[in-house]
Amino acid sequence: MEDQVCKHLQAVKKLKHAKENVCEECIKTHSRWVHLRTCQECGVTLCCDSSPNQHASKHANAAGHPVVISSEPGERWLWCYVDEEMAEY
């Protein structure tokens, strides 16, 4: 196992947390979500890949924002979509 985390995870200096515990895109379309993730580039909170619409990963790909944190209570981790790496905080 490597000791270094990817450059995208290393670039996160201050965590952005969810302003509200909702997927901003699912609210617009009256959809449901399973878990929430908050983009560490722009701060938008969107649904995870277990959710029907997978808004967080779609946002990461479209906007080029690779890192999210879990917005679930009690979870303290970051995920990089580009390098498929996780780090705890």
N, C-alpha and C. Protein backbone atom coordinates (compact mmCIF):
# COMPACT_ATOMS: atom_id res chain seq x y z
N MET A 1 0.85 -1.19 0.00
CA MET A 1 0.00 0.00 0.00
C MET A 1 0.88 1.24 0.00
N GLU A 2 0.54 2.20 -0.82
CA GLU A 2 1.35 3.42 -0.92
C GLU A 2 1.09 4.35 0.25
N ASP A 3 2.13 5.08 0.63
CA ASP A 3 2.01 6.02 1.74
C ASP A 3 1.49 7.38 1.30
N GLN A 4 1.60 7.68 0.03
CA GLN A 4 1.20 9.00 -0.44
C GLN A 4 -0.20 8.95 -1.03
N VAL A 5 -0.93 10.03 -0.80
CA VAL A 5 -2.25 10.14 -1.42
C VAL A 5 -2.10 10.94 -2.71
N CYS A 6 -3.11 10.87 -3.54
CA CYS A 6 -3.03 11.55 -4.84
C CYS A 6 -2.93 13.06 -4.69
N LYS A 7 -2.49 13.70 -5.76
CA LYS A 7 -2.29 15.15 -5.75
C LYS A 7 -3.59 15.91 -5.56
N HIS A 8 -4.71 15.34 -6.02
CA HIS A 8 -6.01 16.01 -5.86
C HIS A 8 -6.42 16.06 -4.39
N LEU A 9 -6.23 14.97 -3.68
CA LEU A 9 -6.55 14.94 -2.25
C LEU A 9 -5.60 15.85 -1.48
N GLN A 10 -4.34 15.85 -1.86
CA GLN A 10 -3.35 16.72 -1.19
C GLN A 10 -3.67 18.19 -1.39
N ALA A 11 -4.30 18.53 -2.50
CA ALA A 11 -4.60 19.93 -2.81
C ALA A 11 -5.70 20.52 -1.93
N VAL A 12 -6.50 19.68 -1.29
CA VAL A 12 -7.59 20.16 -0.43
C VAL A 12 -6.98 20.65 0.88
N LYS A 13 -7.10 21.93 1.14
CA LYS A 13 -6.53 22.53 2.34
C LYS A 13 -7.58 22.85 3.40
N LYS A 14 -8.77 23.26 2.96
CA LYS A 14 -9.86 23.57 3.87
C LYS A 14 -11.11 22.88 3.36
N LEU A 15 -11.74 22.09 4.21
CA LEU A 15 -12.91 21.32 3.79
C LEU A 15 -14.14 22.19 3.63
N LYS A 16 -14.89 21.91 2.57
CA LYS A 16 -16.18 22.54 2.35
C LYS A 16 -17.24 21.53 2.78
N HIS A 17 -18.16 21.94 3.63
CA HIS A 17 -19.21 21.06 4.13
C HIS A 17 -20.56 21.45 3.54
N ALA A 18 -21.48 20.51 3.55
CA ALA A 18 -22.82 20.74 3.00
C ALA A 18 -23.51 21.88 3.73
N LYS A 19 -24.12 22.77 2.96
CA LYS A 19 -24.93 23.84 3.56
C LYS A 19 -26.27 23.28 4.00
N GLU A 20 -26.80 22.35 3.23
CA GLU A 20 -28.05 21.66 3.55
C GLU A 20 -27.84 20.18 3.22
N ASN A 21 -28.51 19.31 3.93
CA ASN A 21 -28.37 17.88 3.68
C ASN A 21 -29.37 17.40 2.64
N VAL A 22 -29.21 17.94 1.42
CA VAL A 22 -30.04 17.55 0.28
C VAL A 22 -29.16 17.54 -0.97
N CYS A 23 -29.55 16.73 -1.95
CA CYS A 23 -28.90 16.79 -3.25
C CYS A 23 -29.54 17.94 -4.02
N GLU A 24 -28.77 18.93 -4.35
CA GLU A 24 -29.29 20.12 -5.01
C GLU A 24 -29.95 19.81 -6.36
N GLU A 25 -29.44 18.81 -7.08
CA GLU A 25 -30.02 18.45 -8.38
C GLU A 25 -31.26 17.58 -8.22
N CYS A 26 -31.25 16.65 -7.26
CA CYS A 26 -32.42 15.81 -7.03
C CYS A 26 -33.62 16.64 -6.59
N ILE A 27 -33.38 17.68 -5.82
CA ILE A 27 -34.47 18.56 -5.39
C ILE A 27 -35.16 19.17 -6.62
N LYS A 28 -34.36 19.58 -7.61
CA LYS A 28 -34.92 20.21 -8.81
C LYS A 28 -35.81 19.25 -9.61
N THR A 29 -35.46 17.96 -9.59
CA THR A 29 -36.19 16.98 -10.40
C THR A 29 -37.11 16.09 -9.57
N HIS A 30 -37.23 16.40 -8.29
CA HIS A 30 -38.07 15.62 -7.38
C HIS A 30 -37.64 14.15 -7.34
N SER A 31 -36.32 13.94 -7.38
CA SER A 31 -35.75 12.60 -7.33
C SER A 31 -35.33 12.28 -5.90
N ARG A 32 -34.92 11.05 -5.68
CA ARG A 32 -34.45 10.65 -4.36
C ARG A 32 -32.94 10.36 -4.41
N TRP A 33 -32.34 10.33 -3.25
CA TRP A 33 -30.91 10.02 -3.16
C TRP A 33 -30.68 9.05 -2.01
N VAL A 34 -29.50 8.43 -2.02
CA VAL A 34 -29.12 7.48 -0.98
C VAL A 34 -28.19 8.16 0.01
N HIS A 35 -27.04 8.66 -0.48
CA HIS A 35 -26.07 9.35 0.35
C HIS A 35 -25.64 10.63 -0.35
N LEU A 36 -25.06 11.54 0.41
CA LEU A 36 -24.66 12.84 -0.14
C LEU A 36 -23.15 13.03 -0.11
N ARG A 37 -22.66 13.76 -1.10
CA ARG A 37 -21.24 14.10 -1.22
C ARG A 37 -21.14 15.60 -1.50
N THR A 38 -20.11 16.25 -0.95
CA THR A 38 -19.93 17.68 -1.18
C THR A 38 -18.62 17.90 -1.94
N CYS A 39 -18.74 18.59 -3.07
CA CYS A 39 -17.59 18.90 -3.92
C CYS A 39 -16.64 19.82 -3.18
N GLN A 40 -15.36 19.49 -3.22
CA GLN A 40 -14.38 20.29 -2.52
C GLN A 40 -13.83 21.44 -3.36
N GLU A 41 -14.24 21.52 -4.59
CA GLU A 41 -13.87 22.63 -5.45
C GLU A 41 -14.88 23.78 -5.31
N CYS A 42 -16.16 23.45 -5.46
CA CYS A 42 -17.18 24.51 -5.50
C CYS A 42 -18.19 24.45 -4.35
N GLY A 43 -18.21 23.36 -3.58
CA GLY A 43 -19.08 23.27 -2.42
C GLY A 43 -20.49 22.76 -2.68
N VAL A 44 -20.82 22.38 -3.90
CA VAL A 44 -22.15 21.85 -4.20
C VAL A 44 -22.30 20.47 -3.55
N THR A 45 -23.49 20.20 -3.01
CA THR A 45 -23.77 18.89 -2.42
C THR A 45 -24.71 18.13 -3.33
N LEU A 46 -24.27 16.90 -3.68
CA LEU A 46 -24.99 16.08 -4.65
C LEU A 46 -25.02 14.63 -4.20
N CYS A 47 -25.80 13.82 -4.89
CA CYS A 47 -25.98 12.42 -4.49
C CYS A 47 -24.84 11.52 -4.98
N CYS A 48 -24.67 10.41 -4.26
CA CYS A 48 -23.58 9.46 -4.49
C CYS A 48 -23.88 8.50 -5.65
N ASP A 49 -22.93 7.62 -5.95
CA ASP A 49 -23.10 6.66 -7.04
C ASP A 49 -24.09 5.55 -6.73
N SER A 50 -24.48 5.39 -5.47
CA SER A 50 -25.53 4.42 -5.12
C SER A 50 -26.91 5.00 -5.36
N SER A 51 -26.98 6.29 -5.59
CA SER A 51 -28.24 6.97 -5.85
C SER A 51 -28.61 6.82 -7.33
N PRO A 52 -29.91 6.86 -7.65
CA PRO A 52 -30.33 6.66 -9.05
C PRO A 52 -29.67 7.61 -10.05
N ASN A 53 -29.48 8.87 -9.69
CA ASN A 53 -28.97 9.85 -10.66
C ASN A 53 -27.47 10.10 -10.61
N GLN A 54 -26.80 9.66 -9.57
CA GLN A 54 -25.34 9.77 -9.46
C GLN A 54 -24.82 11.17 -9.79
N HIS A 55 -25.47 12.18 -9.23
CA HIS A 55 -25.14 13.57 -9.56
C HIS A 55 -23.71 13.97 -9.18
N ALA A 56 -23.18 13.45 -8.08
CA ALA A 56 -21.83 13.87 -7.65
C ALA A 56 -20.77 13.45 -8.67
N SER A 57 -20.82 12.21 -9.12
CA SER A 57 -19.81 11.77 -10.10
C SER A 57 -20.02 12.44 -11.45
N LYS A 58 -21.27 12.69 -11.84
CA LYS A 58 -21.52 13.41 -13.08
C LYS A 58 -20.95 14.83 -13.00
N HIS A 59 -21.13 15.47 -11.84
CA HIS A 59 -20.58 16.80 -11.64
C HIS A 59 -19.05 16.77 -11.70
N ALA A 60 -18.46 15.80 -11.05
CA ALA A 60 -16.99 15.68 -11.05
C ALA A 60 -16.45 15.57 -12.47
N ASN A 61 -17.10 14.75 -13.29
CA ASN A 61 -16.66 14.57 -14.68
C ASN A 61 -16.91 15.80 -15.53
N ALA A 62 -18.09 16.39 -15.42
CA ALA A 62 -18.44 17.53 -16.26
C ALA A 62 -17.68 18.80 -15.87
N ALA A 63 -17.52 19.03 -14.58
CA ALA A 63 -16.89 20.27 -14.11
C ALA A 63 -15.39 20.13 -13.90
N GLY A 64 -14.89 18.90 -13.89
CA GLY A 64 -13.47 18.70 -13.63
C GLY A 64 -13.11 18.94 -12.17
N HIS A 65 -14.05 18.67 -11.28
CA HIS A 65 -13.86 18.82 -9.83
C HIS A 65 -13.71 17.42 -9.24
N PRO A 66 -12.48 16.95 -9.00
CA PRO A 66 -12.26 15.54 -8.69
C PRO A 66 -12.56 15.08 -7.26
N VAL A 67 -12.57 15.98 -6.28
CA VAL A 67 -12.63 15.53 -4.88
C VAL A 67 -13.95 15.91 -4.20
N VAL A 68 -14.52 14.94 -3.49
CA VAL A 68 -15.71 15.15 -2.67
C VAL A 68 -15.42 14.65 -1.26
N ILE A 69 -16.23 15.15 -0.31
CA ILE A 69 -16.23 14.53 1.02
C ILE A 69 -17.61 13.93 1.22
N SER A 70 -17.67 12.94 2.09
CA SER A 70 -18.96 12.39 2.47
C SER A 70 -19.68 13.44 3.31
N SER A 71 -20.94 13.63 3.03
CA SER A 71 -21.75 14.56 3.81
C SER A 71 -22.68 13.80 4.75
N GLU A 72 -22.37 12.54 4.96
CA GLU A 72 -23.17 11.71 5.86
C GLU A 72 -22.68 11.89 7.30
N PRO A 73 -23.61 11.98 8.25
CA PRO A 73 -23.23 12.13 9.66
C PRO A 73 -22.30 11.01 10.12
N GLY A 74 -21.23 11.40 10.78
CA GLY A 74 -20.29 10.43 11.32
C GLY A 74 -19.23 9.94 10.35
N GLU A 75 -19.36 10.25 9.08
CA GLU A 75 -18.36 9.84 8.09
C GLU A 75 -17.37 10.97 7.88
N ARG A 76 -16.07 10.63 7.88
CA ARG A 76 -15.02 11.63 7.76
C ARG A 76 -13.98 11.18 6.73
N TRP A 77 -14.37 11.24 5.46
CA TRP A 77 -13.46 10.84 4.41
C TRP A 77 -13.65 11.67 3.14
N LEU A 78 -12.59 11.68 2.35
CA LEU A 78 -12.57 12.34 1.05
C LEU A 78 -12.41 11.27 -0.02
N TRP A 79 -12.91 11.53 -1.22
CA TRP A 79 -12.77 10.61 -2.34
C TRP A 79 -12.35 11.40 -3.57
N CYS A 80 -11.38 10.86 -4.29
CA CYS A 80 -10.94 11.43 -5.57
C CYS A 80 -11.47 10.55 -6.69
N TYR A 81 -12.35 11.12 -7.53
CA TYR A 81 -12.89 10.37 -8.65
C TYR A 81 -11.83 10.05 -9.70
N VAL A 82 -10.89 10.93 -9.92
CA VAL A 82 -9.86 10.74 -10.95
C VAL A 82 -8.97 9.54 -10.61
N ASP A 83 -8.43 9.55 -9.40
CA ASP A 83 -7.47 8.52 -9.00
C ASP A 83 -8.11 7.37 -8.22
N GLU A 84 -9.42 7.47 -7.97
CA GLU A 84 -10.15 6.47 -7.21
C GLU A 84 -9.43 6.15 -5.89
N GLU A 85 -9.14 7.23 -5.16
CA GLU A 85 -8.47 7.11 -3.87
C GLU A 85 -9.29 7.77 -2.79
N MET A 86 -9.18 7.22 -1.59
CA MET A 86 -9.89 7.73 -0.43
C MET A 86 -8.89 8.13 0.63
N ALA A 87 -9.24 9.14 1.42
CA ALA A 87 -8.42 9.54 2.55
C ALA A 87 -9.37 9.94 3.68
N GLU A 88 -8.99 9.61 4.90
CA GLU A 88 -9.78 10.02 6.06
C GLU A 88 -9.27 11.36 6.56
N TYR A 89 -10.14 12.09 7.23
CA TYR A 89 -9.71 13.36 7.84
C TYR A 89 -10.18 13.41 9.26
